[in-house]
Structures are given as C-alpha cells and as structure tokens.
Amino acid sequence: MTSFELFHVIADASSARVRRYLVDHELGQDVTLRNIHYPEANAAFVSHGGQQTPALWDGERLHVGADAIIARLVAFSDVGRNG
C-alpha cells in the first residue's frame, strides 16, 4: 500500500487546494497531513529537501506545488490504490 505525506500550511491557498482535492476524491486514508508549523513535521519536510509548500512525499520523491501534487495523486488513482 502506498502512503503519502502532504506537507502543508493551513493558511496557504495552494495547500488548501490540495487538501480539498483529497477530500473530493476520498484520498484522505492514503495521505498523512503534515502541517510544517509543527517542529517534527517541519524536520521531516526539510529532510526530504522541502523548501516550498505544498509538497507531497511519495516515499521516493518530493512533488512540489498543487499542480504537481494533484498530477501525482491522479496517477496513483489511475493505477489503483494498491500500487
């Protein structure tokens, strides 16, 4: 099972767009939300090379920006939630 981490900021419009996509497409169980306001989440974000939110860690690569994140999630959904 693939598990993603979404690094986000609550007040950021791009982050909100991705969170809305997760809700609208019922992907909440596949993505852990990591608010970088919290030190542990921010440390994980930085360890993956994060500099800008929103960013999605897929276990191999950090996808940055709402468009890139949504494209990655669409690809995930197209393959199925087991791959």
Protein backbone atom coordinates (compact mmCIF):
# COMPACT_ATOMS: atom_id res chain seq x y z
CA MET A 1 0.00 0.00 0.00
CA THR A 2 1.31 3.42 -0.95
CA SER A 3 1.34 6.05 1.74
CA PHE A 4 1.88 9.72 1.03
CA GLU A 5 2.78 12.66 3.25
CA LEU A 6 1.39 16.08 2.38
CA PHE A 7 3.48 18.88 3.86
CA HIS A 8 1.29 21.95 4.04
CA VAL A 9 0.49 25.26 5.71
CA ILE A 10 -3.08 25.81 6.91
CA ALA A 11 -3.41 29.41 5.63
CA ASP A 12 -1.81 28.74 2.22
CA ALA A 13 -4.26 28.73 -0.72
CA SER A 14 -2.30 26.12 -2.70
CA SER A 15 -2.20 23.82 0.31
CA ALA A 16 -5.95 24.28 0.75
CA ARG A 17 -6.49 23.38 -2.90
CA VAL A 18 -4.67 20.07 -2.42
CA ARG A 19 -6.50 19.32 0.82
CA ARG A 20 -9.82 19.95 -0.96
CA TYR A 21 -8.72 17.55 -3.73
CA LEU A 22 -8.03 14.88 -1.13
CA VAL A 23 -11.50 15.27 0.35
CA ASP A 24 -13.28 15.47 -3.01
CA HIS A 25 -11.55 12.30 -4.25
CA GLU A 26 -11.71 10.38 -0.97
CA LEU A 27 -7.94 10.04 -0.68
CA GLY A 28 -7.69 11.00 2.97
CA GLN A 29 -6.86 7.46 4.06
CA ASP A 30 -3.90 7.41 1.65
CA VAL A 31 -2.31 10.72 2.64
CA THR A 32 -0.96 11.83 6.01
CA LEU A 33 -1.28 15.58 6.51
CA ARG A 34 1.87 17.16 7.96
CA ASN A 35 1.48 20.80 8.97
CA ILE A 36 5.01 22.24 8.84
CA HIS A 37 4.10 24.61 11.67
CA TYR A 38 4.97 21.70 13.96
CA PRO A 39 8.70 21.02 14.51
CA GLU A 40 8.51 17.26 13.82
CA ALA A 41 6.64 17.77 10.54
CA ASN A 42 8.98 20.59 9.52
CA ALA A 43 12.04 18.43 10.25
CA ALA A 44 10.65 15.65 8.05
CA PHE A 45 9.84 18.20 5.32
CA VAL A 46 13.39 19.58 5.38
CA SER A 47 14.89 16.07 5.44
CA HIS A 48 13.14 15.37 2.12
CA GLY A 49 14.62 18.54 0.62
CA GLY A 50 11.49 20.61 1.15
CA GLN A 51 11.64 24.36 0.67
CA GLN A 52 8.15 25.25 -0.54
CA THR A 53 4.64 24.07 0.33
CA PRO A 54 2.52 22.34 -0.55
CA ALA A 55 4.75 19.32 -1.11
CA LEU A 56 3.93 15.64 -1.34
CA TRP A 57 6.40 12.92 -0.36
CA ASP A 58 5.59 9.65 -2.13
CA GLY A 59 8.31 7.60 -0.46
CA GLU A 60 10.81 8.29 -3.24
CA ARG A 61 10.35 11.85 -4.44
CA LEU A 62 9.06 15.20 -3.22
CA HIS A 63 6.43 16.70 -5.55
CA VAL A 64 6.12 20.46 -5.09
CA GLY A 65 3.18 22.70 -5.91
CA ALA A 66 -0.53 21.98 -6.15
CA ASP A 67 -0.49 21.04 -9.85
CA ALA A 68 2.38 18.56 -9.44
CA ILE A 69 0.81 17.03 -6.35
CA ILE A 70 -2.59 16.62 -7.95
CA ALA A 71 -0.97 15.06 -11.04
CA ARG A 72 0.82 12.55 -8.79
CA LEU A 73 -2.41 11.72 -6.98
CA VAL A 74 -4.28 11.30 -10.28
CA ALA A 75 -1.60 8.84 -11.43
CA PHE A 76 -1.93 6.99 -8.13
CA SER A 77 -5.71 6.79 -8.51
CA ASP A 78 -5.45 5.66 -12.14
CA VAL A 79 -3.21 2.73 -11.21
CA GLY A 80 -5.29 1.86 -8.21
CA ARG A 81 -4.78 2.30 -4.52
CA ASN A 82 -2.78 -0.91 -4.22
CA GLY A 83 0.12 0.20 -6.39
